[in-house]
N, C-alpha and C. Protein backbone atom coordinates (compact mmCIF):
# COMPACT_ATOMS: atom_id res chain seq x y z
N GLY A 1 7.32 -13.71 34.07
CA GLY A 1 6.04 -14.35 34.13
C GLY A 1 6.14 -15.85 33.97
N ARG A 2 5.63 -16.29 32.85
CA ARG A 2 5.53 -17.73 32.62
C ARG A 2 6.92 -18.37 32.48
N TRP A 3 7.82 -17.64 31.86
CA TRP A 3 9.17 -18.18 31.64
C TRP A 3 9.84 -18.45 32.98
N GLU A 4 9.72 -17.48 33.90
CA GLU A 4 10.31 -17.67 35.23
C GLU A 4 9.66 -18.86 35.94
N ALA A 5 8.35 -18.99 35.82
CA ALA A 5 7.65 -20.12 36.44
C ALA A 5 8.15 -21.44 35.88
N ALA A 6 8.35 -21.48 34.56
CA ALA A 6 8.84 -22.71 33.93
C ALA A 6 10.24 -23.04 34.42
N LEU A 7 11.09 -22.03 34.54
CA LEU A 7 12.45 -22.26 35.04
C LEU A 7 12.41 -22.76 36.49
N THR A 8 11.51 -22.19 37.28
CA THR A 8 11.37 -22.61 38.68
C THR A 8 10.95 -24.07 38.75
N VAL A 9 9.98 -24.46 37.94
CA VAL A 9 9.52 -25.85 37.92
C VAL A 9 10.64 -26.77 37.47
N GLN A 10 11.36 -26.33 36.44
CA GLN A 10 12.46 -27.14 35.92
C GLN A 10 13.53 -27.34 37.00
N ALA A 11 13.88 -26.24 37.69
CA ALA A 11 14.88 -26.32 38.75
C ALA A 11 14.39 -27.22 39.89
N ALA A 12 13.12 -27.10 40.21
CA ALA A 12 12.56 -27.94 41.28
C ALA A 12 12.64 -29.41 40.91
N LEU A 13 12.39 -29.72 39.62
CA LEU A 13 12.47 -31.11 39.18
C LEU A 13 13.89 -31.65 39.34
N LYS A 14 14.89 -30.81 39.08
CA LYS A 14 16.28 -31.26 39.18
C LYS A 14 16.70 -31.39 40.64
N ARG A 15 16.24 -30.48 41.50
CA ARG A 15 16.65 -30.46 42.91
C ARG A 15 15.91 -31.51 43.75
N ALA A 16 14.77 -31.91 43.27
CA ALA A 16 13.94 -32.78 44.10
C ALA A 16 13.90 -34.19 43.55
N PRO A 17 14.94 -34.94 43.78
CA PRO A 17 14.93 -36.32 43.28
C PRO A 17 13.89 -37.16 44.02
N GLY A 18 13.37 -36.61 45.13
CA GLY A 18 12.36 -37.33 45.89
C GLY A 18 11.00 -37.35 45.21
N LEU A 19 10.84 -36.49 44.17
CA LEU A 19 9.56 -36.50 43.45
C LEU A 19 9.43 -37.81 42.71
N SER A 20 8.29 -38.40 42.85
CA SER A 20 8.10 -39.64 42.12
C SER A 20 6.62 -39.84 41.82
N GLY A 21 6.37 -40.75 40.96
CA GLY A 21 5.00 -41.11 40.64
C GLY A 21 4.19 -39.94 40.12
N LYS A 22 3.02 -39.75 40.74
CA LYS A 22 2.07 -38.73 40.29
C LYS A 22 2.66 -37.33 40.35
N ASP A 23 3.40 -37.01 41.40
CA ASP A 23 3.98 -35.67 41.55
C ASP A 23 4.95 -35.37 40.41
N LEU A 24 5.79 -36.33 40.07
CA LEU A 24 6.75 -36.14 38.98
C LEU A 24 6.03 -35.98 37.65
N VAL A 25 5.04 -36.83 37.41
CA VAL A 25 4.26 -36.75 36.17
C VAL A 25 3.53 -35.41 36.10
N ALA A 26 2.94 -34.97 37.21
CA ALA A 26 2.21 -33.71 37.23
C ALA A 26 3.16 -32.53 36.98
N ALA A 27 4.35 -32.57 37.59
CA ALA A 27 5.32 -31.48 37.40
C ALA A 27 5.80 -31.43 35.95
N ARG A 28 6.10 -32.61 35.41
CA ARG A 28 6.55 -32.65 34.01
C ARG A 28 5.42 -32.21 33.07
N SER A 29 4.21 -32.60 33.37
CA SER A 29 3.05 -32.21 32.56
C SER A 29 2.85 -30.70 32.60
N ALA A 30 2.98 -30.11 33.80
CA ALA A 30 2.83 -28.65 33.93
C ALA A 30 3.91 -27.94 33.13
N LEU A 31 5.14 -28.45 33.21
CA LEU A 31 6.25 -27.85 32.46
C LEU A 31 5.98 -27.95 30.96
N SER A 32 5.51 -29.12 30.53
CA SER A 32 5.23 -29.33 29.11
C SER A 32 4.11 -28.39 28.63
N ARG A 33 3.05 -28.28 29.43
CA ARG A 33 1.95 -27.38 29.06
C ARG A 33 2.44 -25.94 28.97
N ASP A 34 3.29 -25.56 29.90
CA ASP A 34 3.80 -24.19 29.90
C ASP A 34 4.66 -23.94 28.66
N GLU A 35 5.50 -24.93 28.31
CA GLU A 35 6.33 -24.78 27.11
C GLU A 35 5.46 -24.67 25.86
N ILE A 36 4.40 -25.48 25.80
CA ILE A 36 3.47 -25.41 24.67
C ILE A 36 2.80 -24.04 24.64
N GLY A 37 2.38 -23.56 25.82
CA GLY A 37 1.76 -22.23 25.90
C GLY A 37 2.69 -21.14 25.43
N GLN A 38 3.97 -21.23 25.84
CA GLN A 38 4.95 -20.22 25.41
C GLN A 38 5.13 -20.28 23.90
N HIS A 39 5.20 -21.49 23.36
CA HIS A 39 5.35 -21.65 21.91
C HIS A 39 4.15 -21.03 21.18
N LEU A 40 2.95 -21.30 21.70
CA LEU A 40 1.75 -20.75 21.06
C LEU A 40 1.74 -19.22 21.15
N GLU A 41 2.16 -18.69 22.29
CA GLU A 41 2.22 -17.23 22.42
C GLU A 41 3.21 -16.63 21.43
N LYS A 42 4.36 -17.29 21.27
CA LYS A 42 5.37 -16.82 20.31
C LYS A 42 4.80 -16.84 18.89
N GLU A 43 4.14 -17.95 18.54
CA GLU A 43 3.54 -18.05 17.20
C GLU A 43 2.47 -16.98 17.00
N ARG A 44 1.66 -16.74 18.04
CA ARG A 44 0.62 -15.72 17.96
C ARG A 44 1.24 -14.34 17.74
N ALA A 45 2.32 -14.04 18.46
CA ALA A 45 3.00 -12.75 18.30
C ALA A 45 3.58 -12.63 16.89
N GLU A 46 4.17 -13.72 16.37
CA GLU A 46 4.71 -13.69 15.00
C GLU A 46 3.59 -13.50 13.98
N THR A 47 2.47 -14.16 14.20
CA THR A 47 1.33 -14.03 13.29
C THR A 47 0.81 -12.59 13.29
N LEU A 48 0.69 -12.01 14.49
CA LEU A 48 0.25 -10.62 14.58
C LEU A 48 1.21 -9.69 13.86
N ALA A 49 2.51 -9.92 14.03
CA ALA A 49 3.52 -9.09 13.36
C ALA A 49 3.38 -9.22 11.84
N LEU A 50 3.16 -10.44 11.36
CA LEU A 50 2.99 -10.65 9.91
C LEU A 50 1.72 -9.96 9.41
N LEU A 51 0.65 -10.04 10.19
CA LEU A 51 -0.59 -9.37 9.79
C LEU A 51 -0.40 -7.86 9.74
N GLU A 52 0.31 -7.31 10.73
CA GLU A 52 0.57 -5.87 10.73
C GLU A 52 1.40 -5.48 9.51
N THR A 53 2.41 -6.29 9.19
CA THR A 53 3.23 -6.02 8.01
C THR A 53 2.39 -6.08 6.75
N ARG A 54 1.52 -7.08 6.68
CA ARG A 54 0.64 -7.22 5.50
C ARG A 54 -0.26 -6.00 5.36
N LEU A 55 -0.83 -5.53 6.49
CA LEU A 55 -1.69 -4.35 6.45
C LEU A 55 -0.91 -3.13 5.97
N LYS A 56 0.33 -2.98 6.45
CA LYS A 56 1.15 -1.85 6.03
C LYS A 56 1.43 -1.92 4.54
N ILE A 57 1.73 -3.12 4.04
CA ILE A 57 1.99 -3.30 2.61
C ILE A 57 0.75 -2.96 1.79
N GLU A 58 -0.41 -3.46 2.24
CA GLU A 58 -1.66 -3.18 1.52
C GLU A 58 -1.97 -1.69 1.53
N GLU A 59 -1.72 -1.04 2.67
CA GLU A 59 -1.98 0.40 2.76
C GLU A 59 -1.03 1.17 1.82
N ALA A 60 0.23 0.77 1.80
CA ALA A 60 1.20 1.42 0.91
C ALA A 60 0.80 1.22 -0.56
N ALA A 61 0.36 0.01 -0.89
CA ALA A 61 -0.07 -0.26 -2.27
C ALA A 61 -1.28 0.59 -2.63
N SER A 62 -2.20 0.71 -1.69
CA SER A 62 -3.40 1.54 -1.92
C SER A 62 -3.01 3.00 -2.13
N ASN A 63 -2.09 3.49 -1.28
CA ASN A 63 -1.64 4.88 -1.42
C ASN A 63 -0.95 5.10 -2.77
N LEU A 64 -0.13 4.13 -3.19
CA LEU A 64 0.54 4.25 -4.50
C LEU A 64 -0.49 4.28 -5.62
N ALA A 65 -1.50 3.44 -5.52
CA ALA A 65 -2.55 3.40 -6.56
C ALA A 65 -3.29 4.74 -6.60
N GLU A 66 -3.58 5.31 -5.42
CA GLU A 66 -4.25 6.61 -5.39
C GLU A 66 -3.38 7.70 -5.99
N GLU A 67 -2.08 7.69 -5.66
CA GLU A 67 -1.16 8.68 -6.22
C GLU A 67 -1.08 8.55 -7.74
N ARG A 68 -0.97 7.30 -8.21
CA ARG A 68 -0.89 7.06 -9.65
C ARG A 68 -2.15 7.56 -10.33
N SER A 69 -3.30 7.26 -9.74
CA SER A 69 -4.58 7.70 -10.29
C SER A 69 -4.65 9.23 -10.34
N ALA A 70 -4.21 9.87 -9.26
CA ALA A 70 -4.22 11.34 -9.22
C ALA A 70 -3.30 11.91 -10.29
N ARG A 71 -2.10 11.29 -10.44
CA ARG A 71 -1.17 11.77 -11.48
C ARG A 71 -1.77 11.59 -12.87
N GLU A 72 -2.43 10.44 -13.08
CA GLU A 72 -3.04 10.19 -14.39
C GLU A 72 -4.17 11.19 -14.66
N ARG A 73 -4.95 11.52 -13.60
CA ARG A 73 -6.01 12.51 -13.78
C ARG A 73 -5.42 13.88 -14.13
N LEU A 74 -4.33 14.25 -13.42
CA LEU A 74 -3.69 15.53 -13.71
C LEU A 74 -3.17 15.54 -15.15
N HIS A 75 -2.52 14.42 -15.54
CA HIS A 75 -1.99 14.33 -16.89
C HIS A 75 -3.13 14.41 -17.91
N SER A 76 -4.21 13.71 -17.61
CA SER A 76 -5.37 13.71 -18.50
C SER A 76 -5.96 15.11 -18.61
N ASP A 77 -6.09 15.78 -17.45
CA ASP A 77 -6.62 17.16 -17.45
C ASP A 77 -5.70 18.08 -18.23
N ASP A 78 -4.39 17.90 -18.06
CA ASP A 78 -3.42 18.72 -18.77
C ASP A 78 -3.51 18.48 -20.28
N MET A 79 -3.65 17.20 -20.66
CA MET A 79 -3.78 16.88 -22.09
C MET A 79 -5.06 17.48 -22.66
N ALA A 80 -6.14 17.44 -21.89
CA ALA A 80 -7.40 18.01 -22.35
C ALA A 80 -7.27 19.52 -22.52
N ALA A 81 -6.58 20.16 -21.57
CA ALA A 81 -6.37 21.61 -21.67
C ALA A 81 -5.52 21.94 -22.89
N GLN A 82 -4.47 21.15 -23.13
CA GLN A 82 -3.62 21.38 -24.30
C GLN A 82 -4.42 21.19 -25.60
N ALA A 83 -5.25 20.16 -25.61
CA ALA A 83 -6.08 19.92 -26.80
C ALA A 83 -7.04 21.08 -27.02
N GLU A 84 -7.63 21.59 -25.94
CA GLU A 84 -8.55 22.72 -26.05
C GLU A 84 -7.83 23.94 -26.60
N ARG A 85 -6.62 24.22 -26.06
CA ARG A 85 -5.84 25.36 -26.57
C ARG A 85 -5.49 25.18 -28.04
N ALA A 86 -5.10 23.97 -28.42
CA ALA A 86 -4.75 23.71 -29.82
C ALA A 86 -5.97 23.91 -30.72
N THR A 87 -7.13 23.46 -30.26
CA THR A 87 -8.37 23.64 -31.03
C THR A 87 -8.67 25.13 -31.18
N GLN A 88 -8.54 25.88 -30.10
CA GLN A 88 -8.79 27.33 -30.18
C GLN A 88 -7.81 28.02 -31.12
N GLU A 89 -6.54 27.62 -31.06
CA GLU A 89 -5.55 28.22 -31.96
C GLU A 89 -5.85 27.85 -33.41
N ALA A 90 -6.27 26.61 -33.65
CA ALA A 90 -6.61 26.18 -35.01
C ALA A 90 -7.82 26.97 -35.53
N ASP A 91 -8.84 27.17 -34.66
CA ASP A 91 -10.01 27.96 -35.05
C ASP A 91 -9.60 29.39 -35.39
N LYS A 92 -8.73 29.94 -34.55
CA LYS A 92 -8.26 31.32 -34.76
C LYS A 92 -7.50 31.41 -36.10
N ALA A 93 -6.64 30.43 -36.35
CA ALA A 93 -5.87 30.41 -37.60
C ALA A 93 -6.81 30.25 -38.79
N GLN A 94 -7.85 29.42 -38.64
CA GLN A 94 -8.82 29.22 -39.72
C GLN A 94 -9.54 30.53 -40.03
N ARG A 95 -9.98 31.25 -38.96
CA ARG A 95 -10.67 32.54 -39.18
C ARG A 95 -9.75 33.55 -39.87
N LYS A 96 -8.47 33.57 -39.46
CA LYS A 96 -7.51 34.49 -40.08
C LYS A 96 -7.31 34.13 -41.56
N LEU A 97 -7.23 32.83 -41.85
CA LEU A 97 -7.06 32.37 -43.23
C LEU A 97 -8.26 32.81 -44.07
N VAL A 98 -9.47 32.66 -43.53
CA VAL A 98 -10.68 33.08 -44.26
C VAL A 98 -10.64 34.59 -44.51
N ARG A 99 -10.24 35.38 -43.48
CA ARG A 99 -10.14 36.85 -43.66
C ARG A 99 -9.11 37.20 -44.73
N ASP A 100 -7.94 36.52 -44.63
CA ASP A 100 -6.88 36.80 -45.61
C ASP A 100 -7.34 36.46 -47.03
N GLN A 101 -8.03 35.32 -47.16
CA GLN A 101 -8.52 34.94 -48.49
C GLN A 101 -9.56 35.94 -48.99
N ALA A 102 -10.39 36.43 -48.09
CA ALA A 102 -11.39 37.43 -48.49
C ALA A 102 -10.69 38.71 -48.94
N GLN A 103 -9.64 39.12 -48.22
CA GLN A 103 -8.90 40.34 -48.62
C GLN A 103 -8.22 40.14 -49.97
N ILE A 104 -7.63 38.94 -50.17
CA ILE A 104 -6.98 38.65 -51.45
C ILE A 104 -8.01 38.70 -52.58
N PHE A 105 -9.15 38.11 -52.35
CA PHE A 105 -10.23 38.09 -53.34
C PHE A 105 -10.66 39.54 -53.65
N ALA A 106 -10.80 40.35 -52.59
CA ALA A 106 -11.21 41.75 -52.79
C ALA A 106 -10.17 42.51 -53.57
N LEU A 107 -8.91 42.31 -53.28
CA LEU A 107 -7.83 42.97 -54.01
C LEU A 107 -7.80 42.55 -55.46
N GLN A 108 -8.03 41.26 -55.71
CA GLN A 108 -8.04 40.76 -57.07
C GLN A 108 -9.19 41.38 -57.85
N GLU A 109 -10.33 41.58 -57.21
CA GLU A 109 -11.46 42.20 -57.89
C GLU A 109 -11.16 43.66 -58.21
N GLN A 110 -10.50 44.33 -57.25
CA GLN A 110 -10.15 45.74 -57.49
C GLN A 110 -9.18 45.86 -58.66
N GLU A 111 -8.22 44.94 -58.73
CA GLU A 111 -7.24 44.99 -59.83
C GLU A 111 -7.93 44.68 -61.15
N ALA A 112 -8.92 43.85 -61.10
CA ALA A 112 -9.61 43.47 -62.33
C ALA A 112 -10.41 44.65 -62.87
N GLU A 113 -10.82 45.56 -62.00
CA GLU A 113 -11.63 46.68 -62.47
C GLU A 113 -10.85 47.71 -63.18
């Protein structure tokens, strides 16, 4: 495309020593504009590549944050379940202790009689 056109103009400038004045200035100006255009296209492509990389990084960071949050929720849910089980076991142990104390008290009363 443009690169081939620029090379053609460049070659024409070298082969045509008869170019002079306005024609030479116009040819050199066209070549310069084309080189500037190519440079801008290259910069635009690099900018787009950087933006795509940035988007990928942001998406990966977002996914990591979501995974971390999910893991923390699971851990939190697991801790809550463990706390609930411990509370139930403590309640059960408390009820057994009260029953045992009641039986001991009853036995002591029987022995006293």
